Amino acid sequence: MDLNADSGESFGSWTMGNDASMFRIVSSANVACGFHAGDPVTMLDSCRAAFELDVRVGAHVGYRDLHGFGRRSMDMSFDELFGDVLYQLGALDGMAHAVGASVDYVKPHGALYNRIVHDVEQAEAVVAAIHAYDPGLPVLGLPGSALLRLAEESGHPVFREAFVDRGYMPDGTLVPRSQEGAVVHDAAAVVERAVRFAVRGEVLAVDGTVVRVKPDSLCIHGDTPGAVELAAAVRAGLEEAGVEIESFA
């Protein structure tokens, strides 16, 4: 099972997360590309740290929304979104190559991630940009999403993701952050959910419904308080259950 975390989200003198510690726990790092978070120095440092610790680098592409941390949905034309995603891929890949690493997969961020679960037009723009940059680049996303369907149709390896610290709706989508139950804060509950995902391929939705999810990767958000300690507990819980941690990339 892959264990991934969002990273590279600091900006200038504003610090977000603890990549150096998180990279000792996870197997894949979704590195912000400067649009929803991150800056050139942070991107470079994150890629270098990931490479040194044998953590795979993923391009965490998002809307151009620094103020809203990429969590506000945006209406964009195909060409606008295509260009923005392509720009972010090129920027992070350049930083990665400078330190001996590479961009090994793509995972959209925040509002873009959620929107292209159902918004086919925006999903088409994202997939077209990824395909134009690298026709074989793997894509990580929500099971059943338009993103993964279109990426697979375009010949990209696709991998399914589950969130150990986010609430689920009965249809398998994430609870919007504006609603109660969107984020799971209790460490024991998060560890139990991670093991249940990995071993049984399921999670309990906010209404108690059992949702079937067979993920290739489990995500822990790196921007939440105590994220490193939570990630360590999740990894320990998975390994105790006999689950080996290894990147899908």
Protein backbone atom coordinates (compact mmCIF):
# COMPACT_ATOMS: atom_id res chain seq x y z
CA MET A 1 0.00 0.00 0.00
CA ASP A 2 1.26 3.47 -0.87
CA LEU A 3 1.11 6.19 1.76
CA ASN A 4 1.06 9.74 0.39
CA ALA A 5 0.98 13.22 1.87
CA ASP A 6 0.55 16.72 0.49
CA SER A 7 3.80 18.65 0.77
CA GLY A 8 5.77 21.67 -0.44
CA GLU A 9 2.99 23.96 0.74
CA SER A 10 5.08 26.67 2.42
CA PHE A 11 5.23 30.07 0.70
CA GLY A 12 7.96 32.62 1.33
CA SER A 13 8.29 33.19 5.08
CA TRP A 14 5.00 31.37 5.73
CA THR A 15 5.64 27.77 6.80
CA MET A 16 3.16 24.95 6.26
CA GLY A 17 3.77 21.36 7.32
CA ASN A 18 7.02 19.55 8.12
CA ASP A 19 8.19 17.86 4.94
CA ALA A 20 11.54 16.71 6.31
CA SER A 21 9.84 14.64 9.01
CA MET A 22 6.87 13.55 6.89
CA PHE A 23 9.13 12.19 4.13
CA ARG A 24 10.60 9.70 6.62
CA ILE A 25 7.15 8.14 6.96
CA VAL A 26 5.37 8.28 3.59
CA SER A 27 6.30 6.67 0.28
CA SER A 28 4.91 9.35 -2.06
CA ALA A 29 4.84 13.15 -1.80
CA ASN A 30 2.30 15.36 -3.58
CA VAL A 31 4.36 18.52 -4.07
CA ALA A 32 2.53 21.82 -4.57
CA CYS A 33 3.47 23.50 -7.85
CA GLY A 34 3.19 27.17 -6.92
CA PHE A 35 -0.44 27.83 -7.80
CA HIS A 36 -2.38 26.89 -4.66
CA ALA A 37 0.75 26.85 -2.49
CA GLY A 38 4.52 26.59 -2.73
CA ASP A 39 7.21 28.75 -4.28
CA PRO A 40 10.33 27.92 -6.33
CA VAL A 41 12.63 27.47 -3.33
CA THR A 42 10.08 25.34 -1.48
CA MET A 43 9.48 23.21 -4.57
CA LEU A 44 13.22 22.69 -4.98
CA ASP A 45 13.74 21.84 -1.31
CA SER A 46 10.81 19.42 -1.29
CA CYS A 47 12.02 17.59 -4.39
CA ARG A 48 15.54 17.35 -2.97
CA ALA A 49 14.34 16.03 0.40
CA ALA A 50 12.03 13.50 -1.27
CA PHE A 51 14.81 12.27 -3.55
CA GLU A 52 17.26 11.86 -0.67
CA LEU A 53 14.74 9.76 1.27
CA ASP A 54 13.62 7.69 -1.75
CA VAL A 55 10.13 9.17 -1.72
CA ARG A 56 8.34 9.46 -5.07
CA VAL A 57 7.45 12.97 -6.24
CA GLY A 58 3.97 13.74 -7.54
CA ALA A 59 2.83 17.01 -9.12
CA HIS A 60 0.06 18.39 -6.92
CA VAL A 61 -1.58 20.64 -9.50
CA GLY A 62 -4.40 22.99 -8.54
CA TYR A 63 -6.29 26.14 -9.34
CA ARG A 64 -4.37 29.43 -9.38
CA ASP A 65 -5.62 30.34 -5.90
CA LEU A 66 -2.90 31.17 -3.35
CA HIS A 67 -5.29 33.22 -1.24
CA GLY A 68 -7.80 30.38 -0.94
CA PHE A 69 -5.23 27.56 -0.81
CA GLY A 70 -6.81 26.08 -3.91
CA ARG A 71 -9.98 25.19 -2.06
CA ARG A 72 -12.30 27.44 -4.07
CA SER A 73 -13.80 26.02 -7.23
CA MET A 74 -13.14 28.07 -10.37
CA ASP A 75 -14.95 28.26 -13.68
CA MET A 76 -12.23 28.05 -16.33
CA SER A 77 -12.19 27.43 -20.05
CA PHE A 78 -10.56 24.30 -21.42
CA ASP A 79 -7.57 26.27 -22.69
CA GLU A 80 -7.09 28.15 -19.42
CA LEU A 81 -7.06 25.01 -17.29
CA PHE A 82 -5.00 23.09 -19.86
CA GLY A 83 -2.35 25.82 -19.79
CA ASP A 84 -2.31 26.13 -16.01
CA VAL A 85 -1.86 22.40 -15.46
CA LEU A 86 0.82 22.16 -18.14
CA TYR A 87 2.66 25.12 -16.59
CA GLN A 88 2.66 23.51 -13.15
CA LEU A 89 3.91 20.18 -14.49
CA GLY A 90 6.79 21.83 -16.29
CA ALA A 91 7.73 23.95 -13.28
CA LEU A 92 7.87 21.07 -10.81
CA ASP A 93 9.55 18.72 -13.25
CA GLY A 94 12.29 21.29 -13.81
CA MET A 95 12.90 21.57 -10.08
CA ALA A 96 12.89 17.80 -9.68
CA HIS A 97 15.40 17.22 -12.47
CA ALA A 98 17.74 19.82 -10.97
CA VAL A 99 18.17 17.65 -7.87
CA GLY A 100 18.21 14.27 -9.61
CA ALA A 101 14.54 13.45 -9.05
CA SER A 102 11.58 13.29 -11.44
CA VAL A 103 7.83 13.81 -11.42
CA ASP A 104 6.50 10.28 -11.12
CA TYR A 105 2.74 10.93 -11.08
CA VAL A 106 0.07 13.65 -10.96
CA LYS A 107 -2.55 14.25 -8.29
CA PRO A 108 -4.86 17.29 -8.51
CA HIS A 109 -5.40 19.36 -5.37
CA GLY A 110 -8.36 20.63 -3.38
CA ALA A 111 -11.28 22.11 -5.26
CA LEU A 112 -9.89 20.98 -8.61
CA TYR A 113 -9.60 17.40 -7.31
CA ASN A 114 -13.22 17.46 -6.15
CA ARG A 115 -14.61 19.19 -9.21
CA ILE A 116 -13.12 16.77 -11.73
CA VAL A 117 -14.78 13.87 -10.01
CA HIS A 118 -17.89 14.88 -11.97
CA ASP A 119 -16.99 17.85 -14.22
CA VAL A 120 -16.07 16.12 -17.48
CA GLU A 121 -14.96 19.30 -19.29
CA GLN A 122 -12.45 20.27 -16.63
CA ALA A 123 -11.33 16.65 -16.27
CA GLU A 124 -10.70 16.57 -20.02
CA ALA A 125 -8.54 19.68 -19.77
CA VAL A 126 -6.47 18.23 -16.92
CA VAL A 127 -5.97 14.90 -18.67
CA ALA A 128 -5.12 16.60 -21.97
CA ALA A 129 -2.42 18.67 -20.24
CA ILE A 130 -0.94 15.62 -18.53
CA HIS A 131 -1.01 13.67 -21.80
CA ALA A 132 0.63 16.51 -23.72
CA TYR A 133 3.42 16.64 -21.17
CA ASP A 134 3.97 12.89 -20.76
CA PRO A 135 1.61 10.28 -22.30
CA GLY A 136 2.74 7.67 -19.79
CA LEU A 137 2.56 9.68 -16.58
CA PRO A 138 0.51 7.93 -13.85
CA VAL A 139 -2.53 9.70 -12.41
CA LEU A 140 -3.75 9.43 -8.81
CA GLY A 141 -7.35 10.29 -8.00
CA LEU A 142 -10.68 9.38 -6.45
CA PRO A 143 -12.17 6.01 -7.47
CA GLY A 144 -14.99 6.40 -9.97
CA SER A 145 -13.98 9.93 -10.93
CA ALA A 146 -14.17 11.38 -14.42
CA LEU A 147 -10.45 12.14 -14.04
CA LEU A 148 -9.42 8.51 -13.68
CA ARG A 149 -11.84 7.30 -16.35
CA LEU A 150 -10.56 9.77 -18.93
CA ALA A 151 -6.92 9.27 -17.94
CA GLU A 152 -7.27 5.51 -18.36
CA GLU A 153 -8.97 5.97 -21.72
CA SER A 154 -5.99 8.10 -22.77
CA GLY A 155 -3.57 5.32 -21.86
CA HIS A 156 -2.31 6.60 -18.50
CA PRO A 157 -1.76 4.22 -15.59
CA VAL A 158 -4.36 5.18 -12.99
CA PHE A 159 -4.29 4.62 -9.25
CA ARG A 160 -7.13 4.92 -6.75
CA GLU A 161 -6.81 6.98 -3.60
CA ALA A 162 -8.53 6.99 -0.22
CA PHE A 163 -8.32 9.60 2.52
CA VAL A 164 -7.76 8.35 6.05
CA ASP A 165 -8.48 11.75 7.64
CA ARG A 166 -11.46 12.89 5.56
CA GLY A 167 -15.16 12.12 5.93
CA TYR A 168 -16.96 10.24 3.16
CA MET A 169 -20.43 10.69 1.71
CA PRO A 170 -22.53 7.58 0.98
CA ASP A 171 -21.72 7.92 -2.74
CA GLY A 172 -17.98 7.66 -2.10
CA THR A 173 -17.19 11.36 -2.53
CA LEU A 174 -15.60 13.45 0.20
CA VAL A 175 -17.64 15.49 2.66
CA PRO A 176 -17.23 19.17 1.64
CA ARG A 177 -14.93 21.03 4.01
CA SER A 178 -17.73 23.47 4.73
CA GLN A 179 -19.77 20.69 6.37
CA GLU A 180 -19.46 18.98 9.73
CA GLY A 181 -17.58 15.71 9.59
CA ALA A 182 -15.32 16.75 6.71
CA VAL A 183 -12.11 16.11 8.65
CA VAL A 184 -11.45 13.25 11.08
CA HIS A 185 -9.31 14.51 13.97
CA ASP A 186 -9.22 11.53 16.33
CA ALA A 187 -5.92 9.68 15.84
CA ALA A 188 -7.27 6.27 16.82
CA ALA A 189 -10.15 6.65 14.37
CA VAL A 190 -7.79 7.66 11.58
CA VAL A 191 -5.56 4.62 12.17
CA GLU A 192 -8.60 2.32 12.27
CA ARG A 193 -9.86 3.78 8.99
CA ALA A 194 -6.45 3.32 7.34
CA VAL A 195 -6.28 -0.34 8.31
CA ARG A 196 -9.88 -0.89 7.24
CA PHE A 197 -9.16 0.68 3.84
CA ALA A 198 -6.07 -1.45 3.32
CA VAL A 199 -7.34 -4.77 4.67
CA ARG A 200 -11.08 -4.72 3.95
CA GLY A 201 -11.37 -2.15 1.16
CA GLU A 202 -14.10 -0.15 2.83
CA VAL A 203 -14.92 2.89 4.97
CA LEU A 204 -17.90 4.05 6.97
CA ALA A 205 -19.62 7.12 5.50
CA VAL A 206 -20.87 9.94 7.74
CA ASP A 207 -24.32 8.32 7.86
CA GLY A 208 -22.93 4.91 8.81
CA THR A 209 -23.17 3.45 5.31
CA VAL A 210 -20.39 1.04 4.36
CA VAL A 211 -18.68 2.39 1.23
CA ARG A 212 -16.55 -0.01 -0.78
CA VAL A 213 -13.18 1.50 -1.67
CA LYS A 214 -10.16 -0.49 -2.86
CA PRO A 215 -7.35 2.07 -2.84
CA ASP A 216 -3.82 1.83 -4.19
CA SER A 217 -2.77 4.75 -2.00
CA LEU A 218 -3.80 6.29 1.31
CA CYS A 219 -3.52 10.05 1.84
CA ILE A 220 -2.73 11.98 4.99
CA HIS A 221 -3.00 15.76 4.76
CA GLY A 222 0.29 17.37 5.73
CA ASP A 223 -1.24 20.74 6.65
CA THR A 224 -3.26 19.57 9.65
CA PRO A 225 -1.92 20.02 13.22
CA GLY A 226 0.02 16.96 14.37
CA ALA A 227 0.16 15.56 10.85
CA VAL A 228 3.59 13.95 11.28
CA GLU A 229 2.62 12.15 14.47
CA LEU A 230 -0.63 11.05 12.86
CA ALA A 231 1.21 9.74 9.80
CA ALA A 232 3.60 7.80 12.01
CA ALA A 233 0.68 6.23 13.87
CA VAL A 234 -1.01 5.30 10.59
CA ARG A 235 2.14 3.67 9.23
CA ALA A 236 2.68 1.76 12.46
CA GLY A 237 -0.94 0.59 12.43
CA LEU A 238 -0.71 -0.58 8.83
CA GLU A 239 2.54 -2.44 9.37
CA GLU A 240 1.14 -4.08 12.51
CA ALA A 241 -1.74 -5.31 10.34
CA GLY A 242 0.75 -6.82 7.89
CA VAL A 243 0.50 -4.11 5.24
CA GLU A 244 3.78 -3.27 3.51
CA ILE A 245 4.29 0.41 2.61
CA GLU A 246 5.51 0.89 -0.96
CA SER A 247 4.89 3.58 -3.56
CA PHE A 248 2.69 2.71 -6.53
CA ALA A 249 4.98 4.85 -8.72
